Amino acid sequence: MSREFVKANSVDGSNQGSVSGKKTPLLDRGQWASKLEFLLAVAGTLVGLGNLWRFPYLCYKNGGGAFLIPYILFLLACGIPMFLLETAMGQYTSQGCITCWRQFCPLFEGIGYATQVVIAYAAVSYIVIQAWAFFYLFSSFSAELPWASCRNSWNTESCVEFDMKNMSSNWTAAANATTPATEFWERRVLGISQGIEEIGSLRWELVLCLLLAWIICYFCVWKGVRSTGKVVYFTATFPYVMLVVLLARGLSLPGAMDGLAFYLYPDPTRLVDPQVWMDAGAQVLFSFGICQGSLTALGSYNQYKNDCYKDTFVLCLVNGGSSFVAGFAIFSVLGFMSYEQGLPISQVAASGPGLAFIAYPRAVAMMPLPQLWAVCFFVMVILLGADTQFVSLECLMTSVTDMFPSVFRRAYRRELLLLCLCAVCFFLGLLLVTEGGLYFLQLFDHYVCSGNNLLLLSVCQSIAIGWIYGADRLYDNIEDMIGYRPWPLMKICWLYVTPTVCLCFSIPVLRPPCSACFRCASIPEQLIQMIA
């Protein structure tokens, strides 16, 4: 059954409005100008901040090189099969992640809506990280990095500068000593409150940075894949240049090899901990964009005969390899910090925002030409986040325009819809740039864009396609597109392996994300239920 037959027998309203000459004709949905644009767009959204700050931390925390065992197993059992499934669904139907279900299994269209809820939360919250990075980038153009000293208006008496000549007395002067980088992050950037119950006022400098990020995002997405496909030539490739530069610099620093040994030294005893396997599964699904709708949306703009099967392996290899190499860039610098300060690496290693906005800036301040390396690092952070944000927004736009083509596929209406969507997301994001915004951001990350949700959606999606629609039928669809049948193991994974593995590790355990909070406060149960 070809895609032309499916489209001819589907009712999506795409031909409405052509009867009356008074209405403007529908605009073409658009396609990637080349295969390279698709590959760069997908690689750009997959290789994001999770590769930079989450995978290396999970690797060292969960047994070093031993963590690669559950990671690779999850990649083979769930990541690659689900990647192919979602990309093929979009390419076969030329529809977004909601309307494609109407042609495969209408009963499970709710899965499409669920993925859009996840990606909408991510679109609102993820861009705040870009706002932070813009703030740090602008702050880097100064004679002295503002997080390198305690001689600033926001510093407290507890602030202690690192002094190699008098390291011992300097660091033991106060039991509650804090670093300049920590105080810059907490007091200058965030102005963080005592807890989630204290929202506080807006941080207006962050508001302006957030507005700048949304303006850039709007103009990169406003013409659909025609504009996004051109932007990704820069945004998807330049971070690799920066990563190579930072990796080369990190490896040249004293103590770098100790950091790499700490990163990769295997501890097989950690494999008996179920949390290690849950971390591996969640990282695979999140970093590969599984059950977030982005793969289906991007695949829907492919040529019908595009070989999505080979693309799957290429992109999965690029994403996994990028995560692994990013760990070398990060831990070589952490090894340098450990060497300079005389502290164990476990005390300087951090995950999430703490790595990008405290640990790494602190390390940069110790290097020669710190402004140069700070600019390189935060430009890389901005571009890594930008690609993911572009695709998240494009995914939401694709879903809406495919649901109502007669309304939005007309001149200037897409641009107006995009403007409204960006404006709504911007105003919702203002909550996250208040003094208590970090707590809400952590709630979103812990309860919405979490591994449990993605694992459960993977179970539903693999059952819907593998058992209800039929794995053999999807194999026929893929064969019609690429000219040959994929490896039979994919079908076995859709039918048995993926739903079983994901179900075993999708048992939700609601626990407050206190370990990630700066000042852990009790989180109201009603608020958790509302968000989760």
Protein backbone atom coordinates (compact mmCIF):
# COMPACT_ATOMS: atom_id res chain seq x y z
CA MET A 1 0.00 0.00 0.00
CA SER A 2 1.74 3.18 -1.16
CA ARG A 3 1.60 6.56 0.45
CA GLU A 4 -0.38 7.90 -2.52
CA PHE A 5 -3.18 5.43 -1.74
CA VAL A 6 -3.16 6.43 1.93
CA LYS A 7 -3.30 10.13 1.12
CA ALA A 8 -6.05 9.66 -1.43
CA ASN A 9 -8.24 7.87 1.10
CA SER A 10 -7.53 10.11 4.07
CA VAL A 11 -9.73 13.02 5.05
CA ASP A 12 -7.62 15.84 6.40
CA GLY A 13 -9.23 18.81 4.78
CA SER A 14 -6.17 19.54 2.70
CA ASN A 15 -8.27 20.17 -0.37
CA GLN A 16 -10.82 22.36 1.32
CA GLY A 17 -10.94 25.88 0.04
CA SER A 18 -10.03 25.01 -3.53
CA VAL A 19 -13.69 24.94 -4.58
CA SER A 20 -14.23 28.62 -4.03
CA GLY A 21 -12.09 30.97 -6.04
CA LYS A 22 -12.31 33.54 -3.26
CA LYS A 23 -10.02 31.55 -0.99
CA THR A 24 -6.28 31.57 -1.37
CA PRO A 25 -4.77 28.24 -2.44
CA LEU A 26 -3.15 25.98 0.12
CA LEU A 27 0.58 26.33 0.40
CA ASP A 28 2.78 23.32 -0.23
CA ARG A 29 3.66 21.42 2.93
CA GLY A 30 7.32 21.48 2.03
CA GLN A 31 10.16 18.96 2.00
CA TRP A 32 13.82 18.94 2.87
CA ALA A 33 15.86 20.41 0.03
CA SER A 34 18.39 17.61 0.47
CA LYS A 35 19.03 14.53 2.54
CA LEU A 36 21.82 16.36 4.33
CA GLU A 37 19.36 18.91 5.72
CA PHE A 38 17.34 16.11 7.30
CA LEU A 39 20.42 14.46 8.77
CA LEU A 40 21.71 17.74 10.20
CA ALA A 41 18.30 18.68 11.62
CA VAL A 42 17.93 15.34 13.39
CA ALA A 43 21.55 15.30 14.54
CA GLY A 44 21.12 18.84 15.82
CA THR A 45 18.12 18.01 17.95
CA LEU A 46 19.59 14.73 19.25
CA VAL A 47 23.02 16.10 20.12
CA GLY A 48 21.88 18.54 22.78
CA LEU A 49 22.74 19.58 26.29
CA GLY A 50 21.91 16.11 27.59
CA ASN A 51 24.97 14.82 25.74
CA LEU A 52 27.13 17.54 27.25
CA TRP A 53 26.12 17.57 30.88
CA ARG A 54 24.04 14.47 31.62
CA PHE A 55 25.63 11.47 29.89
CA PRO A 56 29.19 12.05 31.24
CA TYR A 57 27.85 12.49 34.77
CA LEU A 58 25.68 9.36 34.54
CA CYS A 59 28.62 7.43 33.17
CA TYR A 60 30.93 8.25 36.07
CA LYS A 61 28.16 7.96 38.70
CA ASN A 62 26.95 4.56 37.48
CA GLY A 63 30.17 2.63 37.15
CA GLY A 64 32.25 4.43 34.54
CA GLY A 65 32.88 2.22 31.54
CA ALA A 66 30.53 -0.40 33.00
CA PHE A 67 27.62 2.00 32.40
CA LEU A 68 28.14 1.52 28.67
CA ILE A 69 26.79 -2.04 29.01
CA PRO A 70 23.21 -1.10 29.98
CA TYR A 71 23.40 1.96 27.72
CA ILE A 72 24.29 -0.09 24.63
CA LEU A 73 21.75 -2.79 25.50
CA PHE A 74 18.97 -0.20 25.81
CA LEU A 75 20.13 1.40 22.59
CA LEU A 76 19.87 -1.90 20.71
CA ALA A 77 16.64 -3.08 22.36
CA CYS A 78 14.71 0.21 22.45
CA GLY A 79 16.56 3.16 20.99
CA ILE A 80 17.28 2.04 17.43
CA PRO A 81 13.98 0.13 16.88
CA MET A 82 11.84 3.02 18.17
CA PHE A 83 13.91 5.53 16.22
CA LEU A 84 13.18 3.64 12.98
CA LEU A 85 9.51 3.19 13.88
CA GLU A 86 8.87 6.90 14.49
CA THR A 87 10.87 8.12 11.50
CA ALA A 88 9.15 5.62 9.19
CA MET A 89 5.70 6.64 10.43
CA GLY A 90 6.35 10.26 9.54
CA GLN A 91 8.00 9.54 6.20
CA TYR A 92 5.30 7.11 5.07
CA THR A 93 2.35 9.39 5.86
CA SER A 94 3.91 12.84 5.39
CA GLN A 95 2.06 13.78 8.56
CA GLY A 96 3.05 15.00 12.00
CA CYS A 97 3.01 12.94 15.17
CA ILE A 98 -0.76 13.34 15.76
CA THR A 99 -2.36 12.97 12.34
CA CYS A 100 -0.06 10.11 11.32
CA TRP A 101 -1.88 7.93 13.87
CA ARG A 102 -5.15 8.43 11.97
CA GLN A 103 -3.63 6.45 9.12
CA PHE A 104 -1.96 3.78 11.24
CA CYS A 105 -4.11 3.19 14.29
CA PRO A 106 -6.72 5.92 15.02
CA LEU A 107 -7.56 4.39 18.39
CA PHE A 108 -4.09 5.34 19.65
CA GLU A 109 -4.09 8.92 18.40
CA GLY A 110 -3.82 9.95 22.04
CA ILE A 111 -0.16 8.86 21.96
CA GLY A 112 0.45 11.70 19.54
CA TYR A 113 -1.20 14.19 21.86
CA ALA A 114 0.84 12.85 24.79
CA THR A 115 4.11 13.39 22.90
CA GLN A 116 3.06 16.96 22.15
CA VAL A 117 2.39 17.63 25.83
CA VAL A 118 5.92 16.45 26.64
CA ILE A 119 7.53 18.51 23.89
CA ALA A 120 5.44 21.59 24.76
CA TYR A 121 6.73 21.46 28.33
CA ALA A 122 10.24 21.00 26.95
CA ALA A 123 9.85 23.95 24.57
CA VAL A 124 8.83 26.25 27.41
CA SER A 125 11.53 25.11 29.84
CA TYR A 126 14.48 24.12 27.65
CA ILE A 127 14.94 27.60 26.19
CA VAL A 128 15.50 29.03 29.68
CA ILE A 129 18.88 27.28 29.62
CA GLN A 130 19.71 29.29 26.50
CA ALA A 131 18.75 32.46 28.37
CA TRP A 132 21.22 31.53 31.13
CA ALA A 133 23.89 30.82 28.53
CA PHE A 134 23.29 34.19 26.84
CA PHE A 135 23.71 35.89 30.22
CA TYR A 136 27.03 34.12 30.78
CA LEU A 137 28.14 34.84 27.20
CA PHE A 138 27.55 38.57 27.58
CA SER A 139 29.27 38.49 30.97
CA SER A 140 32.33 36.88 29.37
CA PHE A 141 33.18 40.08 27.50
CA SER A 142 34.81 41.74 30.48
CA ALA A 143 38.36 42.43 31.60
CA GLU A 144 37.91 39.91 34.41
CA LEU A 145 35.35 37.13 34.41
CA PRO A 146 32.75 38.10 37.02
CA TRP A 147 32.69 34.59 38.49
CA ALA A 148 36.47 34.53 39.00
CA SER A 149 36.70 36.75 42.08
CA CYS A 150 34.88 37.69 45.28
CA ARG A 151 35.24 41.43 44.68
CA ASN A 152 31.71 41.99 43.41
CA SER A 153 28.58 43.51 44.90
CA TRP A 154 26.74 40.17 44.99
CA ASN A 155 29.48 38.29 46.86
CA THR A 156 29.12 37.44 50.54
CA GLU A 157 31.63 37.11 53.34
CA SER A 158 31.59 33.34 52.80
CA CYS A 159 33.02 33.71 49.30
CA VAL A 160 36.54 32.31 49.02
CA GLU A 161 38.78 32.67 45.99
CA PHE A 162 41.05 29.85 44.92
CA ASP A 163 44.67 30.68 45.61
CA MET A 164 47.26 28.11 44.57
CA LYS A 165 49.95 29.79 46.65
CA ASN A 166 47.94 29.65 49.85
CA MET A 167 45.48 26.93 49.03
CA SER A 168 45.21 25.30 52.44
CA SER A 169 44.46 28.35 54.58
CA ASN A 170 42.32 29.91 51.89
CA TRP A 171 39.89 27.02 51.63
CA THR A 172 39.71 26.14 55.29
CA ALA A 173 39.05 29.69 56.46
CA ALA A 174 35.32 29.09 56.72
CA ALA A 175 33.36 25.91 57.16
CA ASN A 176 30.58 27.19 54.89
CA ALA A 177 32.86 28.72 52.25
CA THR A 178 31.44 29.17 48.76
CA THR A 179 33.19 29.76 45.46
CA PRO A 180 32.84 32.90 43.31
CA ALA A 181 31.31 30.78 40.53
CA THR A 182 28.63 29.44 42.87
CA GLU A 183 27.74 32.89 44.17
CA PHE A 184 27.63 34.36 40.67
CA TRP A 185 25.24 31.59 39.62
CA GLU A 186 22.98 31.68 42.67
CA ARG A 187 23.06 35.37 43.61
CA ARG A 188 23.83 37.25 40.38
CA VAL A 189 22.16 35.13 37.70
CA LEU A 190 19.28 33.41 39.49
CA GLY A 191 18.85 35.45 42.65
CA ILE A 192 17.53 32.15 43.89
CA SER A 193 14.88 32.17 46.62
CA GLN A 194 14.68 29.97 49.71
CA GLY A 195 12.19 27.54 48.16
CA ILE A 196 9.48 26.90 45.61
CA GLU A 197 6.91 28.65 47.76
CA GLU A 198 8.84 31.91 47.27
CA ILE A 199 8.47 32.74 43.58
CA GLY A 200 9.95 36.19 44.04
CA SER A 201 10.31 38.81 41.35
CA LEU A 202 11.33 38.54 37.71
CA ARG A 203 15.03 38.62 36.88
CA TRP A 204 14.76 41.25 34.16
CA GLU A 205 18.14 40.57 32.62
CA LEU A 206 17.13 36.94 32.19
CA VAL A 207 13.78 38.07 30.77
CA LEU A 208 15.61 40.01 28.05
CA CYS A 209 17.88 37.03 27.35
CA LEU A 210 14.81 34.80 27.13
CA LEU A 211 13.16 37.23 24.72
CA LEU A 212 16.31 37.26 22.57
CA ALA A 213 16.31 33.46 22.45
CA TRP A 214 12.66 33.36 21.34
CA ILE A 215 13.21 36.02 18.66
CA ILE A 216 16.10 34.03 17.20
CA CYS A 217 14.02 30.86 17.35
CA TYR A 218 11.08 32.53 15.60
CA PHE A 219 13.07 33.74 12.61
CA CYS A 220 14.85 30.39 12.25
CA VAL A 221 11.56 28.46 12.10
CA TRP A 222 9.13 30.93 10.50
CA LYS A 223 9.41 29.47 6.97
CA GLY A 224 9.24 25.87 8.13
CA VAL A 225 11.77 23.39 6.84
CA ARG A 226 12.75 25.86 4.14
CA SER A 227 14.38 28.09 6.76
CA THR A 228 15.20 25.47 9.40
CA GLY A 229 16.97 23.36 6.79
CA LYS A 230 19.36 26.22 6.04
CA VAL A 231 19.96 27.25 9.65
CA VAL A 232 21.03 23.75 10.74
CA TYR A 233 24.03 23.87 8.40
CA PHE A 234 25.56 26.20 11.00
CA THR A 235 23.83 25.34 14.27
CA ALA A 236 24.34 21.58 13.90
CA THR A 237 27.97 21.67 12.79
CA PHE A 238 29.55 24.56 14.70
CA PRO A 239 29.03 22.92 18.13
CA TYR A 240 31.23 20.06 16.92
CA VAL A 241 33.95 22.57 16.05
CA MET A 242 33.68 24.06 19.53
CA LEU A 243 33.64 20.58 21.10
CA VAL A 244 36.85 19.63 19.27
CA VAL A 245 38.50 22.89 20.33
CA LEU A 246 37.49 22.43 23.97
CA LEU A 247 38.52 18.76 23.86
CA ALA A 248 41.96 19.65 22.52
CA ARG A 249 42.34 22.31 25.19
CA GLY A 250 41.15 20.00 27.94
CA LEU A 251 43.52 17.19 26.99
CA SER A 252 46.46 19.60 27.08
CA LEU A 253 45.81 20.57 30.72
CA PRO A 254 47.62 18.96 33.67
CA GLY A 255 45.50 16.36 35.42
CA ALA A 256 43.41 15.63 32.32
CA MET A 257 44.33 11.95 32.23
CA ASP A 258 43.20 11.51 35.83
CA GLY A 259 39.84 12.96 34.87
CA LEU A 260 39.48 10.57 31.94
CA ALA A 261 40.42 7.61 34.12
CA PHE A 262 37.75 8.65 36.62
CA TYR A 263 35.25 8.95 33.75
CA LEU A 264 35.93 5.55 32.22
CA TYR A 265 37.23 3.32 35.03
CA PRO A 266 34.73 0.42 35.14
CA ASP A 267 33.00 -0.58 38.34
CA PRO A 268 30.97 -3.72 37.47
CA THR A 269 29.41 -3.90 40.94
CA ARG A 270 27.20 -0.91 40.05
CA LEU A 271 25.35 -3.02 37.49
CA VAL A 272 23.36 -4.78 40.21
CA ASP A 273 21.65 -1.48 41.07
CA PRO A 274 18.30 -1.16 39.19
CA GLN A 275 18.68 2.63 39.20
CA VAL A 276 21.69 2.28 36.90
CA TRP A 277 19.53 0.52 34.32
CA MET A 278 16.73 3.05 34.70
CA ASP A 279 19.21 5.87 34.15
CA ALA A 280 20.51 4.16 31.02
CA GLY A 281 17.01 3.64 29.62
CA ALA A 282 15.90 7.19 30.37
CA GLN A 283 19.06 8.65 28.84
CA VAL A 284 18.65 6.63 25.64
CA LEU A 285 15.01 7.60 25.15
CA PHE A 286 15.48 11.27 26.00
CA SER A 287 18.71 11.87 24.10
CA PHE A 288 17.44 10.04 21.01
CA GLY A 289 14.18 11.98 20.93
CA ILE A 290 12.04 8.86 21.38
CA CYS A 291 8.32 9.47 22.06
CA GLN A 292 8.69 13.23 21.78
CA GLY A 293 7.24 13.57 18.29
CA SER A 294 10.30 15.22 16.79
CA LEU A 295 11.46 12.20 14.76
CA THR A 296 8.02 11.73 13.21
CA ALA A 297 7.72 15.43 12.39
CA LEU A 298 11.18 15.65 10.81
CA GLY A 299 10.71 12.38 8.95
CA SER A 300 7.44 13.63 7.47
CA TYR A 301 9.38 16.13 5.34
CA ASN A 302 11.53 13.41 3.73
CA GLN A 303 11.24 12.21 0.18
CA TYR A 304 9.07 9.09 0.07
CA LYS A 305 11.93 6.92 -1.23
CA ASN A 306 14.45 8.14 1.34
CA ASP A 307 16.32 5.28 3.02
CA CYS A 308 15.21 5.95 6.60
CA TYR A 309 16.60 2.56 7.67
CA LYS A 310 20.22 3.53 6.96
CA ASP A 311 19.59 7.00 8.34
CA THR A 312 18.58 5.43 11.64
CA PHE A 313 21.91 3.70 12.15
CA VAL A 314 23.95 6.72 11.02
CA LEU A 315 22.14 9.13 13.33
CA CYS A 316 22.17 6.77 16.31
CA LEU A 317 25.91 6.28 15.87
CA VAL A 318 26.48 10.04 15.66
CA ASN A 319 24.41 10.71 18.76
CA GLY A 320 25.94 7.96 20.87
CA GLY A 321 29.44 8.87 19.76
CA SER A 322 28.88 12.54 20.52
CA SER A 323 27.79 11.72 24.06
CA PHE A 324 30.88 9.60 24.61
CA VAL A 325 33.30 12.20 23.19
CA ALA A 326 31.64 15.00 25.17
CA GLY A 327 32.59 13.09 28.30
CA PHE A 328 36.27 13.38 27.35
CA ALA A 329 35.93 17.16 26.91
CA ILE A 330 34.16 17.56 30.26
CA PHE A 331 36.18 15.20 32.45
CA SER A 332 39.54 16.32 31.11
CA VAL A 333 38.67 19.79 32.45
CA LEU A 334 37.33 18.36 35.72
CA GLY A 335 40.59 16.46 36.09
CA PHE A 336 42.42 19.76 35.68
CA MET A 337 40.24 21.32 38.40
CA SER A 338 40.99 18.39 40.69
CA TYR A 339 44.71 18.76 40.04
CA GLU A 340 44.74 22.52 40.62
CA GLN A 341 42.66 22.43 43.80
CA GLY A 342 44.03 19.23 45.29
CA LEU A 343 40.50 17.83 45.63
CA PRO A 344 39.12 14.45 44.53
CA ILE A 345 37.23 14.59 41.24
CA SER A 346 34.04 13.44 42.95
CA GLN A 347 33.96 16.80 44.75
CA VAL A 348 34.28 18.90 41.59
CA ALA A 349 32.06 16.79 39.30
CA ALA A 350 28.47 17.91 38.86
CA SER A 351 25.47 17.23 36.66
CA GLY A 352 22.96 19.41 34.86
CA PRO A 353 23.11 23.19 35.33
CA GLY A 354 25.72 22.77 38.05
CA LEU A 355 28.18 21.45 35.47
CA ALA A 356 27.54 24.04 32.75
CA PHE A 357 27.13 27.09 34.96
CA ILE A 358 29.31 26.42 38.02
CA ALA A 359 31.93 23.71 37.50
CA TYR A 360 32.98 24.49 33.92
CA PRO A 361 33.02 28.30 34.33
CA ARG A 362 35.08 27.80 37.47
CA ALA A 363 37.55 25.69 35.51
CA VAL A 364 37.67 28.24 32.68
CA ALA A 365 38.60 30.96 35.18
CA MET A 366 41.75 28.98 36.04
CA MET A 367 42.96 28.80 32.43
CA PRO A 368 45.04 31.28 30.47
CA LEU A 369 42.84 33.49 28.26
CA PRO A 370 39.72 32.63 30.27
CA GLN A 371 37.46 34.98 28.28
CA LEU A 372 38.22 33.13 25.05
CA TRP A 373 37.39 29.72 26.46
CA ALA A 374 34.29 31.04 28.20
CA VAL A 375 32.98 32.47 24.92
CA CYS A 376 33.69 29.20 23.09
CA PHE A 377 31.94 27.14 25.74
CA PHE A 378 28.79 29.24 26.03
CA VAL A 379 28.44 29.65 22.27
CA MET A 380 28.49 25.86 22.10
CA VAL A 381 25.85 25.62 24.85
CA ILE A 382 23.62 28.14 23.05
CA LEU A 383 23.86 26.33 19.71
CA LEU A 384 23.29 22.91 21.27
CA GLY A 385 20.13 24.23 22.88
CA ALA A 386 19.05 26.16 19.78
CA ASP A 387 18.86 23.09 17.54
CA THR A 388 16.69 21.24 20.02
CA GLN A 389 14.47 24.30 20.45
CA PHE A 390 14.05 24.76 16.69
CA VAL A 391 12.91 21.20 16.25
CA SER A 392 10.59 21.28 19.28
CA LEU A 393 8.86 24.34 17.89
CA GLU A 394 8.76 22.89 14.37
CA CYS A 395 7.21 19.71 15.76
CA LEU A 396 4.42 21.67 17.47
CA MET A 397 3.83 23.72 14.33
CA THR A 398 3.73 20.61 12.15
CA SER A 399 1.15 18.96 14.39
CA VAL A 400 -1.17 21.98 14.37
CA THR A 401 -0.89 22.72 10.65
CA ASP A 402 -1.44 19.06 9.73
CA MET A 403 -4.56 18.94 11.89
CA PHE A 404 -5.99 22.11 10.32
CA PRO A 405 -4.36 22.43 6.88
CA SER A 406 -7.20 24.45 5.35
CA VAL A 407 -6.74 27.06 8.08
CA PHE A 408 -2.99 27.38 8.50
CA ARG A 409 -1.48 26.36 5.17
CA ARG A 410 -2.25 29.72 3.63
CA ALA A 411 -0.21 32.84 3.05
CA TYR A 412 1.08 34.42 6.29
CA ARG A 413 -1.08 32.25 8.54
CA ARG A 414 1.77 29.96 9.49
CA GLU A 415 3.86 32.98 10.48
CA LEU A 416 1.00 34.32 12.61
CA LEU A 417 0.48 30.94 14.27
CA LEU A 418 4.20 30.70 14.99
CA LEU A 419 4.20 34.21 16.44
CA CYS A 420 1.29 33.36 18.74
CA LEU A 421 2.94 30.10 19.81
CA CYS A 422 6.25 31.82 20.57
CA ALA A 423 4.48 34.59 22.48
CA VAL A 424 2.48 32.12 24.60
CA CYS A 425 5.58 30.05 25.36
CA PHE A 426 7.55 33.19 26.22
CA PHE A 427 4.95 34.38 28.73
CA LEU A 428 4.67 30.90 30.25
CA GLY A 429 8.45 30.81 30.53
CA LEU A 430 8.49 33.98 32.60
CA LEU A 431 7.68 31.81 35.60
CA LEU A 432 11.03 30.10 35.09
CA VAL A 433 13.06 33.32 35.16
CA THR A 434 11.76 34.42 38.53
CA GLU A 435 13.79 34.03 41.71
CA GLY A 436 12.06 30.71 42.35
CA GLY A 437 12.05 29.64 38.70
CA LEU A 438 14.75 27.01 39.05
CA TYR A 439 12.53 24.92 41.32
CA PHE A 440 9.74 24.86 38.73
CA LEU A 441 12.23 24.00 36.01
CA GLN A 442 13.41 21.02 38.06
CA LEU A 443 9.80 19.93 38.59
CA PHE A 444 9.18 19.98 34.84
CA ASP A 445 12.34 18.01 34.22
CA HIS A 446 11.67 15.46 36.97
CA TYR A 447 7.96 14.79 36.48
CA VAL A 448 7.16 15.68 32.84
CA CYS A 449 10.24 15.26 30.63
CA SER A 450 11.24 12.21 32.65
CA GLY A 451 12.30 8.69 31.85
CA ASN A 452 9.14 7.15 33.33
CA ASN A 453 6.87 9.04 30.94
CA LEU A 454 8.99 8.22 27.91
CA LEU A 455 9.26 4.55 28.90
CA LEU A 456 5.49 4.27 29.28
CA LEU A 457 4.87 5.99 25.94
CA SER A 458 7.36 3.60 24.32
CA VAL A 459 5.36 0.65 25.64
CA CYS A 460 2.11 2.05 24.26
CA GLN A 461 3.63 2.95 20.91
CA SER A 462 5.36 -0.37 20.32
CA ILE A 463 2.20 -2.29 21.23
CA ALA A 464 0.00 -0.11 19.02
CA ILE A 465 2.23 -0.53 15.97
CA GLY A 466 3.62 -4.00 16.62
CA TRP A 467 0.40 -5.74 17.65
CA ILE A 468 -2.58 -3.59 16.62
CA TYR A 469 -1.43 -2.18 13.29
CA GLY A 470 0.93 -5.08 12.71
CA ALA A 471 4.70 -5.24 12.58
CA ASP A 472 4.55 -7.06 9.23
CA ARG A 473 2.39 -4.31 7.74
CA LEU A 474 4.87 -1.67 8.85
CA TYR A 475 7.65 -3.78 7.34
CA ASP A 476 5.68 -3.75 4.08
CA ASN A 477 5.37 0.04 4.30
CA ILE A 478 9.10 0.44 4.89
CA GLU A 479 9.91 -1.94 2.04
CA ASP A 480 7.68 0.11 -0.26
CA MET A 481 9.72 3.20 0.66
CA ILE A 482 13.30 1.91 0.70
CA GLY A 483 13.04 -1.09 -1.63
CA TYR A 484 14.07 -3.83 0.82
CA ARG A 485 12.99 -5.24 4.17
CA PRO A 486 14.86 -4.24 7.34
CA TRP A 487 16.66 -6.71 9.56
CA PRO A 488 14.10 -9.04 11.23
CA LEU A 489 15.43 -8.12 14.68
CA MET A 490 13.60 -4.78 14.42
CA LYS A 491 10.26 -6.56 14.21
CA ILE A 492 11.13 -8.79 17.16
CA CYS A 493 11.98 -5.71 19.21
CA TRP A 494 8.68 -3.97 18.36
CA LEU A 495 6.69 -7.07 19.25
CA TYR A 496 8.46 -8.38 22.33
CA VAL A 497 11.74 -6.84 23.45
CA THR A 498 10.95 -3.11 23.50
CA PRO A 499 7.58 -3.27 25.32
CA THR A 500 8.90 -5.80 27.83
CA VAL A 501 12.09 -3.91 28.64
CA CYS A 502 10.38 -0.52 28.81
CA LEU A 503 7.53 -1.87 30.93
CA CYS A 504 9.92 -3.37 33.45
CA PHE A 505 11.62 -0.02 33.98
CA SER A 506 8.58 2.28 33.72
CA ILE A 507 7.19 1.70 37.23
CA PRO A 508 6.82 5.27 38.47
CA VAL A 509 8.42 6.20 41.73
CA LEU A 510 7.41 9.72 42.75
CA ARG A 511 10.16 11.23 44.84
CA PRO A 512 10.94 14.92 45.29
CA PRO A 513 14.00 15.93 43.24
CA CYS A 514 15.72 17.25 46.35
CA SER A 515 19.17 16.07 45.38
CA ALA A 516 19.16 18.47 42.47
CA CYS A 517 17.78 21.47 44.38
CA PHE A 518 19.99 24.15 45.82
CA ARG A 519 17.77 24.68 48.82
CA CYS A 520 15.47 21.73 49.15
CA ALA A 521 12.01 22.77 50.24
CA SER A 522 8.91 20.68 50.71
CA ILE A 523 7.01 20.50 47.44
CA PRO A 524 3.22 20.69 47.78
CA GLU A 525 1.61 17.40 46.78
CA GLN A 526 -1.11 19.26 44.87
CA LEU A 527 1.53 20.98 42.74
CA ILE A 528 3.19 17.67 41.90
CA GLN A 529 -0.14 16.15 40.87
CA MET A 530 -1.00 19.19 38.73
CA ILE A 531 2.28 19.02 36.82
CA ALA A 532 2.67 15.24 36.65
